[in-house]
């Protein structure tokens, strides 16, 4: 969702900055377009960072000694936060 929002903001900003040729006295539409393009770029970068963080995996390895038998027990746990969706 964040990538889509960033692309929409960037596209609307580009239209306001480059394609629209309307003069309004109370607002500078070209500056609003540049601001929207910057906001869209920030949202896209944040979206990419959040997607990259979500796909990380955590692996934990623990070794203990069983007090009753003196045997070494190794336990491996893998936790993955990926929901197996392809974007």
PDB file of N, CA and C in Angstrom:
ATOM      1  N   UNK A   1       0.819  -1.183   0.000  1.00  0.00           N
ATOM      2  CA  UNK A   1       0.000   0.000   0.000  1.00  0.00           C
ATOM      3  C   UNK A   1       0.868   1.253   0.000  1.00  0.00           C
ATOM      4  N   UNK A   2       1.966   1.228   0.713  1.00  0.00           N
ATOM      5  CA  UNK A   2       2.788   2.423   0.791  1.00  0.00           C
ATOM      6  C   UNK A   2       3.461   2.729  -0.544  1.00  0.00           C
ATOM      7  N   UNK A   3       3.830   1.683  -1.285  1.00  0.00           N
ATOM      8  CA  UNK A   3       4.425   1.923  -2.596  1.00  0.00           C
ATOM      9  C   UNK A   3       3.406   2.544  -3.544  1.00  0.00           C
ATOM     10  N   UNK A   4       2.194   2.063  -3.509  1.00  0.00           N
ATOM     11  CA  UNK A   4       1.139   2.621  -4.367  1.00  0.00           C
ATOM     12  C   UNK A   4       0.838   4.069  -4.022  1.00  0.00           C
ATOM     13  N   UNK A   5       0.788   4.365  -2.737  1.00  0.00           N
ATOM     14  CA  UNK A   5       0.542   5.751  -2.312  1.00  0.00           C
ATOM     15  C   UNK A   5       1.669   6.657  -2.763  1.00  0.00           C
ATOM     16  N   UNK A   6       2.907   6.198  -2.648  1.00  0.00           N
ATOM     17  CA  UNK A   6       4.044   6.996  -3.083  1.00  0.00           C
ATOM     18  C   UNK A   6       4.018   7.270  -4.569  1.00  0.00           C
ATOM     19  N   UNK A   7       3.658   6.254  -5.352  1.00  0.00           N
ATOM     20  CA  UNK A   7       3.585   6.432  -6.802  1.00  0.00           C
ATOM     21  C   UNK A   7       2.477   7.401  -7.173  1.00  0.00           C
ATOM     22  N   UNK A   8       1.333   7.303  -6.504  1.00  0.00           N
ATOM     23  CA  UNK A   8       0.218   8.222  -6.783  1.00  0.00           C
ATOM     24  C   UNK A   8       0.604   9.653  -6.428  1.00  0.00           C
ATOM     25  N   UNK A   9       1.221   9.852  -5.265  1.00  0.00           N
ATOM     26  CA  UNK A   9       1.643  11.199  -4.883  1.00  0.00           C
ATOM     27  C   UNK A   9       2.652  11.762  -5.878  1.00  0.00           C
ATOM     28  N   UNK A  10       3.594  10.930  -6.293  1.00  0.00           N
ATOM     29  CA  UNK A  10       4.610  11.382  -7.241  1.00  0.00           C
ATOM     30  C   UNK A  10       3.978  11.740  -8.585  1.00  0.00           C
ATOM     31  N   UNK A  11       3.035  10.926  -9.043  1.00  0.00           N
ATOM     32  CA  UNK A  11       2.384  11.179 -10.340  1.00  0.00           C
ATOM     33  C   UNK A  11       1.541  12.452 -10.300  1.00  0.00           C
ATOM     34  N   UNK A  12       0.779  12.646  -9.236  1.00  0.00           N
ATOM     35  CA  UNK A  12      -0.028  13.868  -9.118  1.00  0.00           C
ATOM     36  C   UNK A  12       0.881  15.089  -9.038  1.00  0.00           C
ATOM     37  N   UNK A  13       1.967  14.971  -8.292  1.00  0.00           N
ATOM     38  CA  UNK A  13       2.922  16.072  -8.208  1.00  0.00           C
ATOM     39  C   UNK A  13       3.552  16.394  -9.546  1.00  0.00           C
ATOM     40  N   UNK A  14       3.887  15.360 -10.331  1.00  0.00           N
ATOM     41  CA  UNK A  14       4.471  15.587 -11.654  1.00  0.00           C
ATOM     42  C   UNK A  14       3.477  16.279 -12.579  1.00  0.00           C
ATOM     43  N   UNK A  15       2.214  15.891 -12.504  1.00  0.00           N
ATOM     44  CA  UNK A  15       1.193  16.551 -13.325  1.00  0.00           C
ATOM     45  C   UNK A  15       1.070  18.016 -12.925  1.00  0.00           C
ATOM     46  N   UNK A  16       1.026  18.281 -11.632  1.00  0.00           N
ATOM     47  CA  UNK A  16       0.914  19.674 -11.181  1.00  0.00           C
ATOM     48  C   UNK A  16       2.159  20.489 -11.534  1.00  0.00           C
ATOM     49  N   UNK A  17       3.322  19.890 -11.447  1.00  0.00           N
ATOM     50  CA  UNK A  17       4.552  20.633 -11.672  1.00  0.00           C
ATOM     51  C   UNK A  17       4.854  20.850 -13.147  1.00  0.00           C
ATOM     52  N   UNK A  18       4.582  19.857 -13.988  1.00  0.00           N
ATOM     53  CA  UNK A  18       5.052  19.928 -15.363  1.00  0.00           C
ATOM     54  C   UNK A  18       3.943  20.037 -16.408  1.00  0.00           C
ATOM     55  N   UNK A  19       2.799  19.421 -16.185  1.00  0.00           N
ATOM     56  CA  UNK A  19       1.787  19.342 -17.241  1.00  0.00           C
ATOM     57  C   UNK A  19       0.688  20.400 -17.120  1.00  0.00           C
ATOM     58  N   UNK A  20       0.447  20.883 -15.947  1.00  0.00           N
ATOM     59  CA  UNK A  20      -0.643  21.831 -15.733  1.00  0.00           C
ATOM     60  C   UNK A  20      -0.127  23.252 -15.902  1.00  0.00           C
ATOM     61  N   UNK A  21      -0.813  24.013 -16.734  1.00  0.00           N
ATOM     62  CA  UNK A  21      -0.393  25.389 -17.000  1.00  0.00           C
ATOM     63  C   UNK A  21      -1.532  26.329 -16.632  1.00  0.00           C
ATOM     64  N   UNK A  22      -1.858  26.388 -15.359  1.00  0.00           N
ATOM     65  CA  UNK A  22      -2.939  27.229 -14.857  1.00  0.00           C
ATOM     66  C   UNK A  22      -2.351  28.169 -13.817  1.00  0.00           C
ATOM     67  N   UNK A  23      -2.694  29.424 -13.924  1.00  0.00           N
ATOM     68  CA  UNK A  23      -2.212  30.415 -12.955  1.00  0.00           C
ATOM     69  C   UNK A  23      -3.310  30.702 -11.938  1.00  0.00           C
ATOM     70  N   UNK A  24      -3.012  30.418 -10.685  1.00  0.00           N
ATOM     71  CA  UNK A  24      -3.934  30.701  -9.586  1.00  0.00           C
ATOM     72  C   UNK A  24      -3.230  31.689  -8.676  1.00  0.00           C
ATOM     73  N   UNK A  25      -3.945  32.745  -8.282  1.00  0.00           N
ATOM     74  CA  UNK A  25      -3.313  33.809  -7.508  1.00  0.00           C
ATOM     75  C   UNK A  25      -2.974  33.396  -6.075  1.00  0.00           C
ATOM     76  N   UNK A  26      -3.745  32.559  -5.470  1.00  0.00           N
ATOM     77  CA  UNK A  26      -3.573  32.282  -4.042  1.00  0.00           C
ATOM     78  C   UNK A  26      -2.694  31.078  -3.753  1.00  0.00           C
ATOM     79  N   UNK A  27      -2.267  30.311  -4.781  1.00  0.00           N
ATOM     80  CA  UNK A  27      -1.396  29.162  -4.545  1.00  0.00           C
ATOM     81  C   UNK A  27      -0.511  28.944  -5.772  1.00  0.00           C
ATOM     82  N   UNK A  28       0.710  28.525  -5.524  1.00  0.00           N
ATOM     83  CA  UNK A  28       1.640  28.192  -6.599  1.00  0.00           C
ATOM     84  C   UNK A  28       1.549  26.694  -6.862  1.00  0.00           C
ATOM     85  N   UNK A  29       0.837  26.303  -7.927  1.00  0.00           N
ATOM     86  CA  UNK A  29       0.608  24.894  -8.205  1.00  0.00           C
ATOM     87  C   UNK A  29       1.892  24.158  -8.571  1.00  0.00           C
ATOM     88  N   UNK A  30       2.837  24.840  -9.156  1.00  0.00           N
ATOM     89  CA  UNK A  30       4.108  24.199  -9.485  1.00  0.00           C
ATOM     90  C   UNK A  30       4.860  23.806  -8.211  1.00  0.00           C
ATOM     91  N   UNK A  31       4.843  24.678  -7.206  1.00  0.00           N
ATOM     92  CA  UNK A  31       5.505  24.360  -5.934  1.00  0.00           C
ATOM     93  C   UNK A  31       4.777  23.226  -5.207  1.00  0.00           C
ATOM     94  N   UNK A  32       3.459  23.220  -5.263  1.00  0.00           N
ATOM     95  CA  UNK A  32       2.692  22.123  -4.659  1.00  0.00           C
ATOM     96  C   UNK A  32       3.048  20.804  -5.353  1.00  0.00           C
ATOM     97  N   UNK A  33       3.225  20.859  -6.665  1.00  0.00           N
ATOM     98  CA  UNK A  33       3.621  19.666  -7.401  1.00  0.00           C
ATOM     99  C   UNK A  33       4.976  19.144  -6.958  1.00  0.00           C
ATOM    100  N   UNK A  34       5.939  20.040  -6.784  1.00  0.00           N
ATOM    101  CA  UNK A  34       7.258  19.620  -6.316  1.00  0.00           C
ATOM    102  C   UNK A  34       7.190  19.032  -4.900  1.00  0.00           C
ATOM    103  N   UNK A  35       6.370  19.636  -4.060  1.00  0.00           N
ATOM    104  CA  UNK A  35       6.220  19.117  -2.689  1.00  0.00           C
ATOM    105  C   UNK A  35       5.605  17.722  -2.714  1.00  0.00           C
ATOM    106  N   UNK A  36       4.578  17.523  -3.552  1.00  0.00           N
ATOM    107  CA  UNK A  36       3.960  16.195  -3.654  1.00  0.00           C
ATOM    108  C   UNK A  36       4.934  15.164  -4.228  1.00  0.00           C
ATOM    109  N   UNK A  37       5.756  15.581  -5.180  1.00  0.00           N
ATOM    110  CA  UNK A  37       6.746  14.655  -5.732  1.00  0.00           C
ATOM    111  C   UNK A  37       7.766  14.254  -4.661  1.00  0.00           C
ATOM    112  N   UNK A  38       8.196  15.195  -3.851  1.00  0.00           N
ATOM    113  CA  UNK A  38       9.137  14.877  -2.771  1.00  0.00           C
ATOM    114  C   UNK A  38       8.489  13.957  -1.742  1.00  0.00           C
ATOM    115  N   UNK A  39       7.238  14.246  -1.389  1.00  0.00           N
ATOM    116  CA  UNK A  39       6.535  13.395  -0.428  1.00  0.00           C
ATOM    117  C   UNK A  39       6.350  11.989  -0.993  1.00  0.00           C
ATOM    118  N   UNK A  40       6.036  11.888  -2.280  1.00  0.00           N
ATOM    119  CA  UNK A  40       5.903  10.578  -2.917  1.00  0.00           C
ATOM    120  C   UNK A  40       7.203   9.801  -2.901  1.00  0.00           C
ATOM    121  N   UNK A  41       8.315  10.481  -3.154  1.00  0.00           N
ATOM    122  CA  UNK A  41       9.618   9.810  -3.128  1.00  0.00           C
ATOM    123  C   UNK A  41       9.940   9.305  -1.725  1.00  0.00           C
ATOM    124  N   UNK A  42       9.627  10.104  -0.707  1.00  0.00           N
ATOM    125  CA  UNK A  42       9.878   9.684   0.679  1.00  0.00           C
ATOM    126  C   UNK A  42       9.023   8.470   1.027  1.00  0.00           C
ATOM    127  N   UNK A  43       7.761   8.475   0.615  1.00  0.00           N
ATOM    128  CA  UNK A  43       6.870   7.352   0.916  1.00  0.00           C
ATOM    129  C   UNK A  43       7.343   6.089   0.200  1.00  0.00           C
ATOM    130  N   UNK A  44       7.815   6.217  -1.031  1.00  0.00           N
ATOM    131  CA  UNK A  44       8.324   5.052  -1.761  1.00  0.00           C
ATOM    132  C   UNK A  44       9.547   4.475  -1.061  1.00  0.00           C
ATOM    133  N   UNK A  45      10.477   5.325  -0.646  1.00  0.00           N
ATOM    134  CA  UNK A  45      11.678   4.845   0.045  1.00  0.00           C
ATOM    135  C   UNK A  45      11.311   4.169   1.361  1.00  0.00           C
ATOM    136  N   UNK A  46      10.413   4.769   2.126  1.00  0.00           N
ATOM    137  CA  UNK A  46       9.979   4.156   3.388  1.00  0.00           C
ATOM    138  C   UNK A  46       9.274   2.825   3.144  1.00  0.00           C
ATOM    139  N   UNK A  47       8.473   2.750   2.098  1.00  0.00           N
ATOM    140  CA  UNK A  47       7.800   1.501   1.770  1.00  0.00           C
ATOM    141  C   UNK A  47       8.779   0.398   1.437  1.00  0.00           C
ATOM    142  N   UNK A  48       9.825   0.733   0.681  1.00  0.00           N
ATOM    143  CA  UNK A  48      10.839  -0.264   0.330  1.00  0.00           C
ATOM    144  C   UNK A  48      11.586  -0.723   1.582  1.00  0.00           C
ATOM    145  N   UNK A  49      11.883   0.215   2.477  1.00  0.00           N
ATOM    146  CA  UNK A  49      12.574  -0.143   3.725  1.00  0.00           C
ATOM    147  C   UNK A  49      11.701  -1.057   4.580  1.00  0.00           C
ATOM    148  N   UNK A  50      10.420  -0.753   4.676  1.00  0.00           N
ATOM    149  CA  UNK A  50       9.525  -1.589   5.484  1.00  0.00           C
ATOM    150  C   UNK A  50       9.348  -2.976   4.884  1.00  0.00           C
ATOM    151  N   UNK A  51       9.296  -3.066   3.560  1.00  0.00           N
ATOM    152  CA  UNK A  51       9.186  -4.373   2.918  1.00  0.00           C
ATOM    153  C   UNK A  51      10.448  -5.188   3.167  1.00  0.00           C
ATOM    154  N   UNK A  52      11.605  -4.540   3.098  1.00  0.00           N
ATOM    155  CA  UNK A  52      12.863  -5.245   3.330  1.00  0.00           C
ATOM    156  C   UNK A  52      12.973  -5.732   4.775  1.00  0.00           C
ATOM    157  N   UNK A  53      12.502  -4.936   5.715  1.00  0.00           N
ATOM    158  CA  UNK A  53      12.546  -5.353   7.126  1.00  0.00           C
ATOM    159  C   UNK A  53      11.595  -6.506   7.388  1.00  0.00           C
ATOM    160  N   UNK A  54      10.468  -6.533   6.713  1.00  0.00           N
ATOM    161  CA  UNK A  54       9.467  -7.556   6.953  1.00  0.00           C
ATOM    162  C   UNK A  54       9.939  -8.929   6.492  1.00  0.00           C
ATOM    163  N   UNK A  55      10.848  -8.983   5.537  1.00  0.00           N
ATOM    164  CA  UNK A  55      11.302 -10.248   4.981  1.00  0.00           C
ATOM    165  C   UNK A  55      12.539 -10.797   5.667  1.00  0.00           C
ATOM    166  N   UNK A  56      12.824 -10.367   6.853  1.00  0.00           N
ATOM    167  CA  UNK A  56      14.008 -10.850   7.547  1.00  0.00           C
ATOM    168  C   UNK A  56      13.696 -12.150   8.289  1.00  0.00           C
ATOM    169  N   UNK A  57      14.713 -12.922   8.517  1.00  0.00           N
ATOM    170  CA  UNK A  57      14.572 -14.187   9.245  1.00  0.00           C
ATOM    171  C   UNK A  57      15.465 -14.144  10.477  1.00  0.00           C
ATOM    172  N   UNK A  58      14.999 -14.764  11.551  1.00  0.00           N
ATOM    173  CA  UNK A  58      15.748 -14.826  12.801  1.00  0.00           C
ATOM    174  C   UNK A  58      16.011 -16.292  13.113  1.00  0.00           C
ATOM    175  N   UNK A  59      17.261 -16.628  13.357  1.00  0.00           N
ATOM    176  CA  UNK A  59      17.630 -17.996  13.691  1.00  0.00           C
ATOM    177  C   UNK A  59      18.302 -18.000  15.061  1.00  0.00           C
ATOM    178  N   UNK A  60      17.817 -18.865  15.947  1.00  0.00           N
ATOM    179  CA  UNK A  60      18.362 -18.972  17.293  1.00  0.00           C
ATOM    180  C   UNK A  60      18.830 -20.402  17.517  1.00  0.00           C
ATOM    181  N   UNK A  61      20.021 -20.550  18.033  1.00  0.00           N
ATOM    182  CA  UNK A  61      20.568 -21.869  18.337  1.00  0.00           C
ATOM    183  C   UNK A  61      20.956 -21.900  19.810  1.00  0.00           C
ATOM    184  N   UNK A  62      20.451 -22.894  20.544  1.00  0.00           N
ATOM    185  CA  UNK A  62      20.739 -23.015  21.971  1.00  0.00           C
ATOM    186  C   UNK A  62      21.258 -24.415  22.256  1.00  0.00           C
ATOM    187  N   UNK A  63      22.296 -24.480  23.044  1.00  0.00           N
ATOM    188  CA  UNK A  63      22.845 -25.770  23.464  1.00  0.00           C
ATOM    189  C   UNK A  63      22.804 -25.831  24.983  1.00  0.00           C
ATOM    190  N   UNK A  64      22.192 -26.883  25.496  1.00  0.00           N
ATOM    191  CA  UNK A  64      22.109 -27.075  26.943  1.00  0.00           C
ATOM    192  C   UNK A  64      22.535 -28.506  27.269  1.00  0.00           C
ATOM    193  N   UNK A  65      22.796 -28.735  28.534  1.00  0.00           N
ATOM    194  CA  UNK A  65      23.168 -30.072  29.014  1.00  0.00           C
ATOM    195  C   UNK A  65      22.034 -30.579  29.892  1.00  0.00           C
ATOM    196  N   UNK A  66      21.548 -31.751  29.562  1.00  0.00           N
ATOM    197  CA  UNK A  66      20.487 -32.363  30.344  1.00  0.00           C
ATOM    198  C   UNK A  66      21.067 -32.824  31.680  1.00  0.00           C
ATOM    199  N   UNK A  67      20.534 -32.295  32.812  1.00  0.00           N
ATOM    200  CA  UNK A  67      21.121 -32.661  34.103  1.00  0.00           C
ATOM    201  C   UNK A  67      20.916 -34.129  34.474  1.00  0.00           C
ATOM    202  N   UNK A  68      19.891 -34.771  33.981  1.00  0.00           N
ATOM    203  CA  UNK A  68      19.630 -36.167  34.359  1.00  0.00           C
ATOM    204  C   UNK A  68      20.579 -37.127  33.649  1.00  0.00           C
ATOM    205  N   UNK A  69      20.827 -36.915  32.374  1.00  0.00           N
ATOM    206  CA  UNK A  69      21.644 -37.873  31.620  1.00  0.00           C
ATOM    207  C   UNK A  69      23.018 -37.324  31.261  1.00  0.00           C
ATOM    208  N   UNK A  70      23.226 -36.020  31.405  1.00  0.00           N
ATOM    209  CA  UNK A  70      24.496 -35.414  31.034  1.00  0.00           C
ATOM    210  C   UNK A  70      24.654 -35.266  29.531  1.00  0.00           C
ATOM    211  N   UNK A  71      23.575 -35.410  28.823  1.00  0.00           N
ATOM    212  CA  UNK A  71      23.589 -35.367  27.361  1.00  0.00           C
ATOM    213  C   UNK A  71      23.432 -33.924  26.878  1.00  0.00           C
ATOM    214  N   UNK A  72      24.145 -33.576  25.822  1.00  0.00           N
ATOM    215  CA  UNK A  72      24.022 -32.238  25.228  1.00  0.00           C
ATOM    216  C   UNK A  72      22.800 -32.198  24.327  1.00  0.00           C
ATOM    217  N   UNK A  73      22.025 -31.162  24.501  1.00  0.00           N
ATOM    218  CA  UNK A  73      20.818 -30.989  23.694  1.00  0.00           C
ATOM    219  C   UNK A  73      20.971 -29.684  22.920  1.00  0.00           C
ATOM    220  N   UNK A  74      20.856 -29.758  21.616  1.00  0.00           N
ATOM    221  CA  UNK A  74      20.932 -28.568  20.763  1.00  0.00           C
ATOM    222  C   UNK A  74      19.548 -28.310  20.185  1.00  0.00           C
ATOM    223  N   UNK A  75      19.100 -27.102  20.336  1.00  0.00           N
ATOM    224  CA  UNK A  75      17.778 -26.724  19.844  1.00  0.00           C
ATOM    225  C   UNK A  75      17.945 -25.589  18.853  1.00  0.00           C
ATOM    226  N   UNK A  76      17.433 -25.780  17.660  1.00  0.00           N
ATOM    227  CA  UNK A  76      17.472 -24.757  16.624  1.00  0.00           C
ATOM    228  C   UNK A  76      16.059 -24.259  16.358  1.00  0.00           C
ATOM    229  N   UNK A  77      15.899 -22.951  16.370  1.00  0.00           N
ATOM    230  CA  UNK A  77      14.611 -22.338  16.078  1.00  0.00           C
ATOM    231  C   UNK A  77      14.802 -21.337  14.953  1.00  0.00           C
ATOM    232  N   UNK A  78      13.926 -21.399  13.988  1.00  0.00           N
ATOM    233  CA  UNK A  78      13.955 -20.439  12.891  1.00  0.00           C
ATOM    234  C   UNK A  78      12.607 -19.742  12.847  1.00  0.00           C
ATOM    235  N   UNK A  79      12.649 -18.447  12.883  1.00  0.00           N
ATOM    236  CA  UNK A  79      11.427 -17.652  12.824  1.00  0.00           C
ATOM    237  C   UNK A  79      11.515 -16.752  11.611  1.00  0.00           C
ATOM    238  N   UNK A  80      10.532 -16.812  10.754  1.00  0.00           N
ATOM    239  CA  UNK A  80      10.520 -15.986   9.557  1.00  0.00           C
ATOM    240  C   UNK A  80       9.249 -15.155   9.553  1.00  0.00           C
ATOM    241  N   UNK A  81       9.414 -13.850   9.343  1.00  0.00           N
ATOM    242  CA  UNK A  81       8.264 -12.953   9.371  1.00  0.00           C
ATOM    243  C   UNK A  81       7.663 -12.749   7.995  1.00  0.00           C
ATOM    244  N   UNK A  82       8.144 -13.483   6.989  1.00  0.00           N
ATOM    245  CA  UNK A  82       7.628 -13.368   5.629  1.00  0.00           C
ATOM    246  C   UNK A  82       6.284 -14.075   5.546  1.00  0.00           C
ATOM    247  N   UNK A  83       5.306 -13.419   4.951  1.00  0.00           N
ATOM    248  CA  UNK A  83       4.000 -14.021   4.812  1.00  0.00           C
ATOM    249  C   UNK A  83       3.841 -14.709   3.451  1.00  0.00           C
ATOM    250  N   UNK A  84       4.976 -14.951   2.768  1.00  0.00           N
ATOM    251  CA  UNK A  84       5.051 -15.682   1.503  1.00  0.00           C
ATOM    252  C   UNK A  84       4.242 -15.032   0.388  1.00  0.00           C
ATOM    253  N   UNK A  85       4.171 -13.723   0.395  1.00  0.00           N
ATOM    254  CA  UNK A  85       3.518 -13.018  -0.708  1.00  0.00           C
ATOM    255  C   UNK A  85       4.585 -12.471  -1.629  1.00  0.00           C
ATOM    256  N   UNK A  86       4.299 -12.478  -2.891  1.00  0.00           N
ATOM    257  CA  UNK A  86       5.236 -11.962  -3.883  1.00  0.00           C
ATOM    258  C   UNK A  86       4.727 -10.626  -4.378  1.00  0.00           C
ATOM    259  N   UNK A  87       5.623  -9.659  -4.355  1.00  0.00           N
ATOM    260  CA  UNK A  87       5.235  -8.310  -4.802  1.00  0.00           C
ATOM    261  C   UNK A  87       5.933  -8.013  -6.103  1.00  0.00           C
TER     262      UNK A  87
END
